[in-house]
Amino acid sequence: MAGPTASDVPQTMPVKIFSAGVAACVADVITFPLDTAKVRLQIQGECQTSRAIRYKGVLGTVTTLAKTEGPMKLYSGLPAGLQRQISFASLRIGLYDTVQEFFSTGKETTASLGSKIAAGLTTGGVAVFIGQPTEVVKVRLQAQSHLHGLKPRYTGTYNAYRIIATTEGLTGLWKGTTPNLTRNVIINCTELVTYDLMKEALVKKKLLADDLPCHFVSALIAGFCTTVLSSPVDVVKTRFVNSPPGQYTSVPNYAVTMLTKEGPLAFFKGFVPSFLRLGSWNVIMFVCFEQLKRELMKSGQTVNCAT
């Protein structure tokens, strides 16, 4: 009798959480320069001084940053970014299937669209509250510049945690939770549900087998859909989190200010790097996630058979 294939191997919740965290960290390391470029493009327009550097396009931003502030600046905030993936992505992605099963228990054999969306909303919301401090630190380190004699607000990741907590209080580490919650609920639902539906459709219609090409196509489509829906909230979140204490009274206040001063297109600043970042991040993360969890379960099953 033939042994089970990779897709037949049952996957436990701990394996999914671990695989999601590792896969997200791998994706973050590879795509982080694009994320830094996205942040710089999104905050462009806040500083109106004539000496402010103007960034043009994704590659232009990456090149300008590397030339003016050094190549390592492209990875400023990476430790906080990895901490974010460990505390955030591992939960929102790793718990998705389990929560989806909870919402569909006793209702249907195959999870409905409503169950998928509810699972995305739940895991995304919980993960945001846990991982928000890492998001605040990551964005601020990516945004700060030492050009034109500007003294950086923070010297490193843990220095940023300490200064924010002492000068702004612990609530400062959760600054921008509302826009980030909105953004990540949109991202989580769109990303996971679109990926889930695309993979399911490709496999059911026998266009692709449940393997790497299927995961690649599904992840790329999910990345594009996610970027389109989340871009306006992402821009507002990035700028609000990066703003000095007391500069804006609320998130809606800032959104109105940005709309008045810069027009509606400001909400889509950094769209191309956002897509390049989300698209490539999705492809790397989902491909690594699918392969890693399968290999872990197969190796665990081999050990069980041997014993």
Protein backbone atom coordinates (compact mmCIF):
# COMPACT_ATOMS: atom_id res chain seq x y z
CA MET A 1 0.00 0.00 0.00
CA ALA A 2 1.45 3.38 -0.99
CA GLY A 3 2.35 5.87 1.71
CA PRO A 4 0.53 9.21 2.05
CA THR A 5 1.46 12.05 -0.23
CA ALA A 6 2.49 15.47 1.06
CA SER A 7 -1.04 16.84 0.67
CA ASP A 8 -2.49 13.88 2.62
CA VAL A 9 -0.37 14.48 5.69
CA PRO A 10 -2.45 16.12 8.48
CA GLN A 11 -0.96 19.34 9.82
CA THR A 12 -1.21 20.31 13.48
CA MET A 13 -1.70 23.82 14.86
CA PRO A 14 1.81 24.10 16.43
CA VAL A 15 3.40 23.09 13.12
CA LYS A 16 1.33 25.70 11.25
CA ILE A 17 2.23 28.46 13.75
CA PHE A 18 5.94 27.58 13.65
CA SER A 19 5.98 27.26 9.85
CA ALA A 20 4.16 30.58 9.42
CA GLY A 21 6.62 32.39 11.70
CA VAL A 22 9.70 30.97 9.98
CA ALA A 23 8.31 31.51 6.47
CA ALA A 24 7.32 35.11 7.30
CA CYS A 25 10.82 35.85 8.65
CA VAL A 26 12.43 34.45 5.48
CA ALA A 27 10.12 36.58 3.33
CA ASP A 28 10.84 39.66 5.47
CA VAL A 29 14.62 39.35 5.17
CA ILE A 30 14.43 39.08 1.38
CA THR A 31 11.87 41.86 0.78
CA PHE A 32 12.75 44.32 3.57
CA PRO A 33 14.48 46.91 1.30
CA LEU A 34 11.20 47.20 -0.65
CA ASP A 35 9.32 47.79 2.60
CA THR A 36 11.76 50.54 3.59
CA ALA A 37 11.33 52.14 0.15
CA LYS A 38 7.55 51.94 0.58
CA VAL A 39 7.71 53.70 3.96
CA ARG A 40 9.93 56.50 2.60
CA LEU A 41 7.61 57.06 -0.36
CA GLN A 42 4.54 57.06 1.90
CA ILE A 43 5.92 59.72 4.28
CA GLN A 44 7.18 61.86 1.40
CA GLY A 45 5.22 65.10 1.44
CA GLU A 46 5.22 65.48 5.22
CA CYS A 47 8.51 67.38 5.14
CA GLN A 48 8.18 70.47 2.95
CA THR A 49 11.76 71.81 3.33
CA SER A 50 13.70 72.52 0.14
CA ARG A 51 16.53 70.29 1.35
CA ALA A 52 14.30 67.24 1.62
CA ILE A 53 15.27 64.45 -0.75
CA ARG A 54 12.63 63.56 -3.32
CA TYR A 55 12.27 59.86 -4.02
CA LYS A 56 11.14 58.67 -7.46
CA GLY A 57 9.93 55.15 -7.98
CA VAL A 58 10.89 51.93 -6.24
CA LEU A 59 14.34 51.41 -7.67
CA GLY A 60 15.03 55.14 -7.47
CA THR A 61 14.17 55.15 -3.77
CA VAL A 62 16.29 52.08 -3.05
CA THR A 63 19.22 53.53 -5.02
CA THR A 64 18.93 56.99 -3.44
CA LEU A 65 18.77 55.54 0.07
CA ALA A 66 21.79 53.32 -0.57
CA LYS A 67 23.80 56.24 -1.99
CA THR A 68 22.86 58.92 0.55
CA GLU A 69 22.52 56.92 3.77
CA GLY A 70 24.36 53.69 3.02
CA PRO A 71 23.15 50.23 1.93
CA MET A 72 22.52 49.14 5.53
CA LYS A 73 19.82 51.82 5.84
CA LEU A 74 17.65 49.63 3.63
CA TYR A 75 17.59 47.15 6.52
CA SER A 76 17.05 49.68 9.31
CA GLY A 77 14.33 48.27 11.55
CA LEU A 78 14.85 44.66 10.42
CA PRO A 79 15.18 43.27 13.99
CA ALA A 80 11.80 44.83 14.86
CA GLY A 81 10.45 43.52 11.56
CA LEU A 82 11.48 39.97 12.44
CA GLN A 83 10.04 40.37 15.95
CA ARG A 84 6.83 41.51 14.28
CA GLN A 85 6.65 38.42 12.07
CA ILE A 86 7.31 36.09 15.00
CA SER A 87 4.61 37.67 17.16
CA PHE A 88 2.20 38.66 14.39
CA ALA A 89 2.41 36.58 11.20
CA SER A 90 2.84 33.31 13.07
CA LEU A 91 -0.55 33.88 14.74
CA ARG A 92 -2.58 35.44 11.93
CA ILE A 93 -1.49 32.83 9.40
CA GLY A 94 -0.79 29.85 11.65
CA LEU A 95 -4.15 30.03 13.45
CA TYR A 96 -6.23 30.75 10.33
CA ASP A 97 -7.17 27.13 9.51
CA THR A 98 -7.94 26.29 13.15
CA VAL A 99 -10.20 29.34 13.61
CA GLN A 100 -11.84 28.67 10.24
CA GLU A 101 -12.68 25.14 11.39
CA PHE A 102 -14.13 26.57 14.61
CA PHE A 103 -16.49 28.87 12.70
CA SER A 104 -17.60 26.10 10.33
CA THR A 105 -17.97 23.26 12.90
CA GLY A 106 -21.31 21.48 12.48
CA LYS A 107 -22.38 23.73 9.62
CA GLU A 108 -20.75 22.38 6.49
CA THR A 109 -18.10 19.94 5.38
CA THR A 110 -16.29 22.62 3.37
CA ALA A 111 -15.70 26.01 4.98
CA SER A 112 -17.93 28.73 3.54
CA LEU A 113 -16.75 32.16 2.42
CA GLY A 114 -18.29 33.60 5.59
CA SER A 115 -16.24 31.23 7.77
CA LYS A 116 -13.06 32.14 5.90
CA ILE A 117 -13.70 35.88 6.31
CA ALA A 118 -14.58 35.47 10.00
CA ALA A 119 -11.34 33.55 10.55
CA GLY A 120 -9.34 36.25 8.77
CA LEU A 121 -10.96 38.99 10.85
CA THR A 122 -10.35 37.14 14.12
CA THR A 123 -6.73 36.10 13.64
CA GLY A 124 -5.79 39.45 12.08
CA GLY A 125 -7.37 41.44 14.93
CA VAL A 126 -5.77 39.39 17.71
CA ALA A 127 -2.34 39.45 16.06
CA VAL A 128 -2.39 43.25 15.64
CA PHE A 129 -2.86 43.91 19.36
CA ILE A 130 -0.01 41.56 20.22
CA GLY A 131 2.42 42.77 17.56
CA GLN A 132 1.68 46.53 17.43
CA PRO A 133 4.76 47.67 19.44
CA THR A 134 7.06 45.96 16.94
CA GLU A 135 5.22 47.73 14.08
CA VAL A 136 5.67 51.16 15.69
CA VAL A 137 9.41 50.63 16.21
CA LYS A 138 9.93 49.17 12.73
CA VAL A 139 8.23 52.08 10.95
CA ARG A 140 10.05 54.75 12.97
CA LEU A 141 13.46 53.20 12.37
CA GLN A 142 12.74 52.90 8.64
CA ALA A 143 11.52 56.50 8.44
CA GLN A 144 14.28 58.29 10.36
CA SER A 145 17.13 59.92 8.44
CA HIS A 146 20.47 61.33 9.57
CA LEU A 147 20.88 63.63 6.56
CA HIS A 148 21.12 67.47 6.77
CA GLY A 149 22.39 67.27 10.35
CA LEU A 150 19.24 65.61 11.62
CA LYS A 151 19.87 63.66 14.80
CA PRO A 152 18.18 60.25 14.66
CA ARG A 153 15.48 59.81 17.27
CA TYR A 154 16.64 56.27 18.03
CA THR A 155 20.00 54.49 17.92
CA GLY A 156 18.61 51.00 17.63
CA THR A 157 15.66 48.66 18.11
CA TYR A 158 15.70 48.31 21.91
CA ASN A 159 16.64 51.97 22.33
CA ALA A 160 13.49 52.82 20.35
CA TYR A 161 11.31 50.63 22.60
CA ARG A 162 12.77 52.30 25.70
CA ILE A 163 12.52 55.90 24.45
CA ILE A 164 8.96 55.49 23.16
CA ALA A 165 7.85 53.88 26.44
CA THR A 166 9.52 56.56 28.62
CA THR A 167 8.59 59.65 26.57
CA GLU A 168 5.16 58.65 25.27
CA GLY A 169 4.14 56.07 27.84
CA LEU A 170 3.30 52.44 27.15
CA THR A 171 0.38 53.60 25.02
CA GLY A 172 2.96 55.11 22.65
CA LEU A 173 3.97 51.57 21.70
CA TRP A 174 0.39 50.94 20.63
CA LYS A 175 0.11 54.21 18.69
CA GLY A 176 -1.76 53.81 15.42
CA THR A 177 -3.46 50.60 16.54
CA THR A 178 -6.76 51.70 14.97
CA PRO A 179 -5.45 52.26 11.41
CA ASN A 180 -3.14 49.27 11.74
CA LEU A 181 -6.04 47.12 12.93
CA THR A 182 -8.12 48.28 9.96
CA ARG A 183 -5.21 47.72 7.58
CA ASN A 184 -4.33 44.28 8.86
CA VAL A 185 -7.91 43.08 9.04
CA ILE A 186 -8.20 44.05 5.35
CA ILE A 187 -4.84 42.46 4.56
CA ASN A 188 -5.49 39.30 6.52
CA CYS A 189 -8.95 38.73 5.06
CA THR A 190 -7.97 39.58 1.49
CA GLU A 191 -4.62 37.82 1.57
CA LEU A 192 -5.63 34.57 3.27
CA VAL A 193 -9.14 34.29 1.83
CA THR A 194 -8.02 35.10 -1.74
CA TYR A 195 -5.11 32.68 -1.47
CA ASP A 196 -7.40 30.01 -0.03
CA LEU A 197 -10.07 30.48 -2.70
CA MET A 198 -7.57 30.64 -5.58
CA LYS A 199 -5.72 27.52 -4.46
CA GLU A 200 -9.01 25.70 -3.93
CA ALA A 201 -10.30 26.69 -7.39
CA LEU A 202 -7.07 25.78 -9.21
CA VAL A 203 -6.94 22.37 -7.55
CA LYS A 204 -10.69 21.60 -7.92
CA LYS A 205 -10.70 22.50 -11.62
CA LYS A 206 -7.51 20.45 -12.01
CA LEU A 207 -5.68 23.40 -13.57
CA LEU A 208 -2.79 22.91 -11.15
CA ALA A 209 -1.89 20.34 -8.53
CA ASP A 210 -1.62 21.40 -4.89
CA ASP A 211 2.08 22.14 -5.20
CA LEU A 212 4.59 24.92 -5.78
CA PRO A 213 3.20 26.38 -9.09
CA CYS A 214 -0.30 26.52 -7.58
CA HIS A 215 1.00 28.19 -4.42
CA PHE A 216 3.00 30.70 -6.50
CA VAL A 217 0.04 31.79 -8.67
CA SER A 218 -2.40 31.93 -5.74
CA ALA A 219 0.02 33.99 -3.62
CA LEU A 220 0.74 36.48 -6.42
CA ILE A 221 -2.97 37.12 -7.09
CA ALA A 222 -3.61 37.44 -3.35
CA GLY A 223 -0.78 39.97 -3.08
CA PHE A 224 -2.22 42.21 -5.81
CA CYS A 225 -5.78 42.14 -4.42
CA THR A 226 -4.46 42.90 -0.94
CA THR A 227 -2.37 45.88 -2.11
CA VAL A 228 -5.32 47.50 -3.91
CA LEU A 229 -7.61 47.31 -0.88
CA SER A 230 -5.10 48.09 1.86
CA SER A 231 -3.01 50.89 0.31
CA PRO A 232 -5.03 53.93 1.56
CA VAL A 233 -5.14 52.63 5.15
CA ASP A 234 -1.47 51.62 4.96
CA VAL A 235 -0.37 55.15 4.01
CA VAL A 236 -2.41 56.74 6.82
CA LYS A 237 -1.11 54.15 9.31
CA THR A 238 2.53 54.69 8.34
CA ARG A 239 2.36 58.47 8.55
CA PHE A 240 0.35 58.56 11.78
CA VAL A 241 2.67 56.10 13.52
CA ASN A 242 5.71 58.11 12.38
CA SER A 243 4.31 61.50 13.48
CA PRO A 244 5.62 63.24 16.65
CA PRO A 245 3.37 63.11 19.76
CA GLY A 246 0.47 65.57 19.60
CA GLN A 247 0.94 66.55 15.95
CA TYR A 248 -2.46 65.13 14.99
CA THR A 249 -5.48 64.76 17.25
CA SER A 250 -6.72 61.51 15.71
CA VAL A 251 -6.44 59.17 12.75
CA PRO A 252 -9.51 60.64 10.96
CA ASN A 253 -8.09 64.14 11.58
CA TYR A 254 -4.85 63.15 9.90
CA ALA A 255 -6.63 61.46 6.98
CA VAL A 256 -8.64 64.65 6.33
CA THR A 257 -5.49 66.79 6.61
CA MET A 258 -3.66 64.59 4.10
CA LEU A 259 -6.62 64.62 1.69
CA THR A 260 -6.86 68.44 1.89
CA LYS A 261 -3.14 69.11 1.48
CA GLU A 262 -2.11 66.42 -0.98
CA GLY A 263 -5.27 65.16 -2.68
CA PRO A 264 -6.74 61.65 -3.00
CA LEU A 265 -3.73 60.20 -4.84
CA ALA A 266 -1.70 60.66 -1.64
CA PHE A 267 -3.54 57.64 -0.25
CA PHE A 268 -1.88 55.50 -2.93
CA LYS A 269 1.66 56.79 -2.48
CA GLY A 270 4.11 53.93 -2.63
CA PHE A 271 1.61 51.66 -4.40
CA VAL A 272 4.19 50.05 -6.70
CA PRO A 273 6.67 49.22 -3.92
CA SER A 274 3.70 48.11 -1.79
CA PHE A 275 2.70 45.62 -4.49
CA LEU A 276 6.28 44.53 -5.14
CA ARG A 277 6.69 44.08 -1.41
CA LEU A 278 3.35 42.33 -0.76
CA GLY A 279 3.43 40.32 -3.98
CA SER A 280 6.96 39.03 -3.48
CA TRP A 281 6.42 38.64 0.29
CA ASN A 282 3.28 36.58 -0.33
CA VAL A 283 4.97 34.34 -2.89
CA ILE A 284 8.02 33.67 -0.70
CA MET A 285 6.01 33.29 2.50
CA PHE A 286 3.25 31.02 1.16
CA VAL A 287 5.64 28.81 -0.83
CA CYS A 288 7.95 28.43 2.21
CA PHE A 289 4.96 27.98 4.54
CA GLU A 290 3.36 25.22 2.48
CA GLN A 291 6.61 23.34 1.92
CA LEU A 292 7.88 23.72 5.48
CA LYS A 293 4.71 22.53 7.21
CA ARG A 294 4.50 19.51 4.89
CA GLU A 295 8.13 18.56 5.49
CA LEU A 296 7.73 18.94 9.26
CA MET A 297 4.63 16.74 9.31
CA LYS A 298 6.23 14.12 7.03
CA SER A 299 9.35 13.99 9.20
CA GLY A 300 7.18 13.71 12.32
CA GLN A 301 5.20 10.93 10.71
CA THR A 302 8.42 9.11 9.76
CA VAL A 303 9.62 9.28 13.37
CA ASN A 304 6.26 7.91 14.60
CA CYS A 305 6.40 5.03 12.09
CA ALA A 306 9.97 4.21 13.13
CA THR A 307 9.00 4.04 16.80
